[in-house]
C-alpha atoms as a PDB file:
ATOM      1  CA  MET A   1     -22.675 -42.607  23.200  1.00  0.00           C
ATOM      2  CA  LYS A   2     -20.311 -39.720  23.854  1.00  0.00           C
ATOM      3  CA  ARG A   3     -23.233 -37.533  24.978  1.00  0.00           C
ATOM      4  CA  THR A   4     -24.334 -40.215  27.429  1.00  0.00           C
ATOM      5  CA  LEU A   5     -20.870 -40.406  28.947  1.00  0.00           C
ATOM      6  CA  PHE A   6     -20.778 -36.645  29.242  1.00  0.00           C
ATOM      7  CA  SER A   7     -24.208 -36.438  30.883  1.00  0.00           C
ATOM      8  CA  LEU A   8     -23.538 -39.117  33.482  1.00  0.00           C
ATOM      9  CA  PRO A   9     -20.975 -37.042  35.420  1.00  0.00           C
ATOM     10  CA  LEU A  10     -23.391 -34.094  35.419  1.00  0.00           C
ATOM     11  CA  LEU A  11     -26.197 -36.334  36.624  1.00  0.00           C
ATOM     12  CA  PHE A  12     -24.048 -37.740  39.420  1.00  0.00           C
ATOM     13  CA  ALA A  13     -22.876 -34.247  40.363  1.00  0.00           C
ATOM     14  CA  ALA A  14     -26.478 -33.029  40.524  1.00  0.00           C
ATOM     15  CA  LEU A  15     -27.451 -35.977  42.702  1.00  0.00           C
ATOM     16  CA  ALA A  16     -24.405 -35.547  44.932  1.00  0.00           C
ATOM     17  CA  PHE A  17     -25.074 -31.860  45.464  1.00  0.00           C
ATOM     18  CA  GLY A  18     -28.840 -32.323  45.946  1.00  0.00           C
ATOM     19  CA  GLN A  19     -29.978 -30.215  42.996  1.00  0.00           C
ATOM     20  CA  GLU A  20     -33.495 -29.008  43.612  1.00  0.00           C
ATOM     21  CA  TYR A  21     -34.028 -26.267  41.017  1.00  0.00           C
ATOM     22  CA  LYS A  22     -34.076 -27.430  37.406  1.00  0.00           C
ATOM     23  CA  LEU A  23     -34.994 -26.032  34.032  1.00  0.00           C
ATOM     24  CA  GLY A  24     -38.781 -25.708  33.855  1.00  0.00           C
ATOM     25  CA  SER A  25     -39.254 -25.910  37.630  1.00  0.00           C
ATOM     26  CA  LYS A  26     -40.175 -23.162  40.062  1.00  0.00           C
ATOM     27  CA  VAL A  27     -37.404 -21.672  42.149  1.00  0.00           C
ATOM     28  CA  GLY A  28     -38.416 -21.258  45.778  1.00  0.00           C
ATOM     29  CA  ASP A  29     -37.130 -18.794  48.306  1.00  0.00           C
ATOM     30  CA  PHE A  30     -33.643 -19.148  49.770  1.00  0.00           C
ATOM     31  CA  THR A  31     -31.229 -17.128  51.863  1.00  0.00           C
ATOM     32  CA  ILE A  32     -27.844 -15.734  50.887  1.00  0.00           C
ATOM     33  CA  ASN A  33     -25.682 -13.221  52.739  1.00  0.00           C
ATOM     34  CA  ASP A  34     -24.678  -9.728  51.821  1.00  0.00           C
ATOM     35  CA  LEU A  35     -20.958  -9.059  52.108  1.00  0.00           C
ATOM     36  CA  ASP A  36     -21.397  -7.842  55.690  1.00  0.00           C
ATOM     37  CA  GLY A  37     -22.756 -11.287  56.603  1.00  0.00           C
ATOM     38  CA  LYS A  38     -26.393 -10.225  56.922  1.00  0.00           C
ATOM     39  CA  PRO A  39     -28.936 -12.728  55.566  1.00  0.00           C
ATOM     40  CA  VAL A  40     -30.939 -11.665  52.516  1.00  0.00           C
ATOM     41  CA  ARG A  41     -33.981 -13.516  51.161  1.00  0.00           C
ATOM     42  CA  TYR A  42     -34.145 -14.187  47.434  1.00  0.00           C
ATOM     43  CA  SER A  43     -37.810 -13.133  47.537  1.00  0.00           C
ATOM     44  CA  SER A  44     -36.682  -9.571  48.351  1.00  0.00           C
ATOM     45  CA  LEU A  45     -34.338  -9.482  45.338  1.00  0.00           C
ATOM     46  CA  LYS A  46     -36.335 -11.115  42.541  1.00  0.00           C
ATOM     47  CA  GLY A  47     -38.514  -9.434  39.948  1.00  0.00           C
ATOM     48  CA  ASP A  48     -40.642 -10.302  36.923  1.00  0.00           C
ATOM     49  CA  THR A  49     -37.449 -11.550  35.257  1.00  0.00           C
ATOM     50  CA  THR A  50     -34.556 -12.553  37.484  1.00  0.00           C
ATOM     51  CA  VAL A  51     -31.023 -13.579  36.556  1.00  0.00           C
ATOM     52  CA  ILE A  52     -28.852 -15.482  39.022  1.00  0.00           C
ATOM     53  CA  VAL A  53     -25.156 -15.584  38.155  1.00  0.00           C
ATOM     54  CA  PHE A  54     -22.585 -17.593  40.096  1.00  0.00           C
ATOM     55  CA  ILE A  55     -19.240 -15.775  39.910  1.00  0.00           C
ATOM     56  CA  ALA A  56     -15.759 -15.942  41.418  1.00  0.00           C
ATOM     57  CA  THR A  57     -12.882 -13.642  42.337  1.00  0.00           C
ATOM     58  CA  LYS A  58      -9.983 -15.858  41.256  1.00  0.00           C
ATOM     59  CA  CYS A  59     -11.399 -17.668  38.231  1.00  0.00           C
ATOM     60  CA  PRO A  60      -9.891 -16.295  35.006  1.00  0.00           C
ATOM     61  CA  VAL A  61     -13.021 -17.289  33.075  1.00  0.00           C
ATOM     62  CA  SER A  62     -15.367 -15.513  35.480  1.00  0.00           C
ATOM     63  CA  ASN A  63     -13.044 -12.492  35.476  1.00  0.00           C
ATOM     64  CA  GLY A  64     -12.988 -12.596  31.667  1.00  0.00           C
ATOM     65  CA  TYR A  65     -16.730 -11.910  31.836  1.00  0.00           C
ATOM     66  CA  ASN A  66     -16.590  -8.986  34.299  1.00  0.00           C
ATOM     67  CA  GLU A  67     -17.104  -6.325  31.633  1.00  0.00           C
ATOM     68  CA  ARG A  68     -19.847  -8.338  29.917  1.00  0.00           C
ATOM     69  CA  MET A  69     -21.631  -8.867  33.256  1.00  0.00           C
ATOM     70  CA  LYS A  70     -21.516  -5.111  33.887  1.00  0.00           C
ATOM     71  CA  ALA A  71     -22.868  -4.468  30.369  1.00  0.00           C
ATOM     72  CA  LEU A  72     -25.679  -6.995  30.867  1.00  0.00           C
ATOM     73  CA  TYR A  73     -26.614  -5.383  34.149  1.00  0.00           C
ATOM     74  CA  ASN A  74     -26.513  -1.886  32.647  1.00  0.00           C
ATOM     75  CA  ASP A  75     -28.531  -2.946  29.574  1.00  0.00           C
ATOM     76  CA  TYR A  76     -31.235  -4.961  31.321  1.00  0.00           C
ATOM     77  CA  ALA A  77     -31.643  -3.591  34.866  1.00  0.00           C
ATOM     78  CA  SER A  78     -33.203  -0.475  33.344  1.00  0.00           C
ATOM     79  CA  LYS A  79     -35.758  -2.778  31.652  1.00  0.00           C
ATOM     80  CA  GLY A  80     -36.789  -4.246  35.009  1.00  0.00           C
ATOM     81  CA  VAL A  81     -34.594  -7.352  35.029  1.00  0.00           C
ATOM     82  CA  LYS A  82     -33.292  -8.151  38.513  1.00  0.00           C
ATOM     83  CA  PHE A  83     -29.798  -9.597  38.882  1.00  0.00           C
ATOM     84  CA  VAL A  84     -28.463 -11.641  41.789  1.00  0.00           C
ATOM     85  CA  PHE A  85     -24.702 -12.236  41.595  1.00  0.00           C
ATOM     86  CA  ILE A  86     -23.560 -14.948  43.992  1.00  0.00           C
ATOM     87  CA  ASN A  87     -20.117 -16.120  45.067  1.00  0.00           C
ATOM     88  CA  ALA A  88     -20.356 -19.685  46.401  1.00  0.00           C
ATOM     89  CA  ASN A  89     -16.626 -20.433  46.604  1.00  0.00           C
ATOM     90  CA  SER A  90     -15.635 -21.514  50.104  1.00  0.00           C
ATOM     91  CA  SER A  91     -12.069 -20.382  49.293  1.00  0.00           C
ATOM     92  CA  GLU A  92     -13.117 -16.750  48.685  1.00  0.00           C
ATOM     93  CA  PRO A  93     -14.155 -14.892  51.880  1.00  0.00           C
ATOM     94  CA  ALA A  94     -16.651 -12.028  51.816  1.00  0.00           C
ATOM     95  CA  SER A  95     -13.903  -9.435  52.324  1.00  0.00           C
ATOM     96  CA  GLU A  96     -12.140 -10.673  49.171  1.00  0.00           C
ATOM     97  CA  VAL A  97     -15.439 -10.659  47.252  1.00  0.00           C
ATOM     98  CA  ALA A  98     -16.108  -7.064  48.375  1.00  0.00           C
ATOM     99  CA  GLU A  99     -12.635  -5.918  47.314  1.00  0.00           C
ATOM    100  CA  HIS A 100     -12.982  -7.714  43.969  1.00  0.00           C
ATOM    101  CA  ALA A 101     -16.362  -6.071  43.287  1.00  0.00           C
ATOM    102  CA  LYS A 102     -14.991  -2.646  44.213  1.00  0.00           C
ATOM    103  CA  SER A 103     -11.793  -2.974  42.195  1.00  0.00           C
ATOM    104  CA  HIS A 104     -13.738  -4.054  39.088  1.00  0.00           C
ATOM    105  CA  GLY A 105     -16.365  -1.329  39.498  1.00  0.00           C
ATOM    106  CA  PHE A 106     -19.363  -3.638  39.663  1.00  0.00           C
ATOM    107  CA  PRO A 107     -22.568  -1.561  39.553  1.00  0.00           C
ATOM    108  CA  PHE A 108     -24.409  -4.417  41.286  1.00  0.00           C
ATOM    109  CA  PRO A 109     -24.123  -6.091  44.687  1.00  0.00           C
ATOM    110  CA  VAL A 110     -22.531  -9.512  45.066  1.00  0.00           C
ATOM    111  CA  TYR A 111     -23.749 -11.969  47.689  1.00  0.00           C
ATOM    112  CA  LYS A 112     -22.129 -14.920  49.444  1.00  0.00           C
ATOM    113  CA  ASP A 113     -23.546 -18.423  49.589  1.00  0.00           C
ATOM    114  CA  PRO A 114     -22.181 -19.832  52.861  1.00  0.00           C
ATOM    115  CA  GLY A 115     -21.633 -23.566  52.622  1.00  0.00           C
ATOM    116  CA  ASN A 116     -22.619 -23.413  48.917  1.00  0.00           C
ATOM    117  CA  VAL A 117     -26.179 -24.361  49.905  1.00  0.00           C
ATOM    118  CA  VAL A 118     -27.751 -22.300  47.117  1.00  0.00           C
ATOM    119  CA  ALA A 119     -25.225 -23.487  44.505  1.00  0.00           C
ATOM    120  CA  ASP A 120     -26.132 -27.043  45.500  1.00  0.00           C
ATOM    121  CA  ARG A 121     -29.869 -26.355  45.163  1.00  0.00           C
ATOM    122  CA  PHE A 122     -29.288 -25.023  41.638  1.00  0.00           C
ATOM    123  CA  GLY A 123     -26.705 -27.669  40.772  1.00  0.00           C
ATOM    124  CA  ALA A 124     -24.278 -24.887  39.821  1.00  0.00           C
ATOM    125  CA  GLN A 125     -20.894 -26.301  38.895  1.00  0.00           C
ATOM    126  CA  VAL A 126     -18.803 -23.473  37.391  1.00  0.00           C
ATOM    127  CA  THR A 127     -18.248 -19.736  37.340  1.00  0.00           C
ATOM    128  CA  PRO A 128     -19.801 -17.992  35.569  1.00  0.00           C
ATOM    129  CA  GLU A 129     -23.037 -20.005  35.413  1.00  0.00           C
ATOM    130  CA  VAL A 130     -26.415 -18.385  34.795  1.00  0.00           C
ATOM    131  CA  TYR A 131     -30.054 -19.134  35.659  1.00  0.00           C
ATOM    132  CA  VAL A 132     -33.032 -17.053  34.473  1.00  0.00           C
ATOM    133  CA  MET A 133     -36.468 -17.131  36.073  1.00  0.00           C
ATOM    134  CA  ASP A 134     -39.677 -15.653  34.692  1.00  0.00           C
ATOM    135  CA  LYS A 135     -42.361 -13.783  36.658  1.00  0.00           C
ATOM    136  CA  SER A 136     -43.908 -17.049  37.884  1.00  0.00           C
ATOM    137  CA  GLY A 137     -40.510 -18.053  39.303  1.00  0.00           C
ATOM    138  CA  THR A 138     -40.023 -20.794  36.706  1.00  0.00           C
ATOM    139  CA  MET A 139     -36.490 -21.367  35.422  1.00  0.00           C
ATOM    140  CA  GLN A 140     -36.515 -20.593  31.703  1.00  0.00           C
ATOM    141  CA  TYR A 141     -32.788 -20.556  30.903  1.00  0.00           C
ATOM    142  CA  HIS A 142     -29.661 -22.185  32.313  1.00  0.00           C
ATOM    143  CA  GLY A 143     -26.135 -22.050  30.977  1.00  0.00           C
ATOM    144  CA  TYR A 144     -23.539 -19.626  29.715  1.00  0.00           C
ATOM    145  CA  ILE A 145     -23.599 -15.871  29.178  1.00  0.00           C
ATOM    146  CA  ASP A 146     -22.300 -16.336  25.648  1.00  0.00           C
ATOM    147  CA  ASP A 147     -20.293 -18.997  23.850  1.00  0.00           C
ATOM    148  CA  SER A 148     -16.720 -17.665  23.983  1.00  0.00           C
ATOM    149  CA  LEU A 149     -14.368 -16.264  26.577  1.00  0.00           C
ATOM    150  CA  ASN A 150     -12.740 -14.347  23.707  1.00  0.00           C
ATOM    151  CA  PRO A 151     -15.139 -11.496  22.849  1.00  0.00           C
ATOM    152  CA  SER A 152     -14.017 -11.475  19.199  1.00  0.00           C
ATOM    153  CA  LYS A 153     -15.115 -15.112  18.788  1.00  0.00           C
ATOM    154  CA  ILE A 154     -18.632 -14.871  20.236  1.00  0.00           C
ATOM    155  CA  GLN A 155     -21.215 -16.422  17.944  1.00  0.00           C
ATOM    156  CA  LYS A 156     -24.094 -17.035  20.348  1.00  0.00           C
ATOM    157  CA  ARG A 157     -25.414 -14.698  23.028  1.00  0.00           C
ATOM    158  CA  GLU A 158     -28.040 -16.994  24.497  1.00  0.00           C
ATOM    159  CA  LEU A 159     -28.489 -15.139  27.788  1.00  0.00           C
ATOM    160  CA  ARG A 160     -29.347 -11.921  25.955  1.00  0.00           C
ATOM    161  CA  LYS A 161     -31.673 -13.839  23.617  1.00  0.00           C
ATOM    162  CA  ALA A 162     -33.423 -15.437  26.600  1.00  0.00           C
ATOM    163  CA  LEU A 163     -33.872 -12.076  28.318  1.00  0.00           C
ATOM    164  CA  ASP A 164     -35.142 -10.420  25.129  1.00  0.00           C
ATOM    165  CA  ALA A 165     -37.653 -13.247  24.623  1.00  0.00           C
ATOM    166  CA  LEU A 166     -38.974 -13.065  28.199  1.00  0.00           C
ATOM    167  CA  LEU A 167     -39.206  -9.276  28.098  1.00  0.00           C
ATOM    168  CA  SER A 168     -41.255  -9.457  24.890  1.00  0.00           C
ATOM    169  CA  GLY A 169     -43.543 -12.202  26.219  1.00  0.00           C
ATOM    170  CA  GLN A 170     -42.131 -14.938  24.008  1.00  0.00           C
ATOM    171  CA  ASN A 171     -40.753 -18.393  24.755  1.00  0.00           C
ATOM    172  CA  VAL A 172     -37.018 -18.842  25.204  1.00  0.00           C
ATOM    173  CA  GLN A 173     -35.784 -20.632  22.084  1.00  0.00           C
ATOM    174  CA  THR A 174     -32.567 -22.095  23.522  1.00  0.00           C
ATOM    175  CA  ALA A 175     -33.363 -22.925  27.134  1.00  0.00           C
ATOM    176  CA  GLU A 176     -30.095 -24.643  28.040  1.00  0.00           C
ATOM    177  CA  THR A 177     -26.456 -24.267  27.065  1.00  0.00           C
ATOM    178  CA  LYS A 178     -23.302 -25.678  28.591  1.00  0.00           C
ATOM    179  CA  ALA A 179     -21.808 -23.244  31.088  1.00  0.00           C
ATOM    180  CA  PHE A 180     -18.012 -23.250  31.166  1.00  0.00           C
ATOM    181  CA  GLY A 181     -15.503 -21.878  33.627  1.00  0.00           C
ATOM    182  CA  CYS A 182     -13.772 -22.778  36.878  1.00  0.00           C
ATOM    183  CA  THR A 183     -15.394 -25.260  39.229  1.00  0.00           C
ATOM    184  CA  ILE A 184     -17.089 -23.882  42.309  1.00  0.00           C
ATOM    185  CA  LYS A 185     -14.874 -24.568  45.333  1.00  0.00           C
ATOM    186  CA  ARG A 186     -17.352 -26.253  47.632  1.00  0.00           C
ATOM    187  CA  GLN A 187     -17.252 -26.550  51.377  1.00  0.00           C
ATOM    188  CA  LYS A 188     -16.870 -30.200  52.297  1.00  0.00           C
ATOM    189  CA  LYS A 189     -20.075 -31.633  53.727  1.00  0.00           C
ATOM    190  CA  VAL A 190     -19.938 -33.612  56.945  1.00  0.00           C
ATOM    191  CA  SER A 191     -21.808 -36.905  56.626  1.00  0.00           C
END
């Protein structure tokens, strides 16, 4: 019963935000902006394995993962994995996102999702929240980077396991975990 109560809010949130991309479904093309405001198509960023990570500048949980996100990028980009880091928070302007990325030494670009359109299509709720697509564009993993904000208490590194499985041509064993962090600050939609 408790699981049912927990899933209902997520279901309602997904319906309210118009979630289109789900685990096991293909992820179509979409547009995000670089930090200069220029539109960028997802199709120009994706690869045989693509990781989309929703992040934030002010969220202590997202910031607690900054070093791990850099390590993931450094470990897997050289293996051909493409990463797309997206800030969908309406309360964090592109200039703040650019300064945050620079001050934390991110080796990867960060993009903005104006009006949280892309976050809505994925049903992203928190930062950090991760989605992994295979070469066919099918979502194979959704959830957390690992299971603890405190690096000394990590027991499960499901994102790394998912990437290792896809890179070796195997199925992802744990396809979904519960992402945790700060809620995405959405732009209010006009009815």
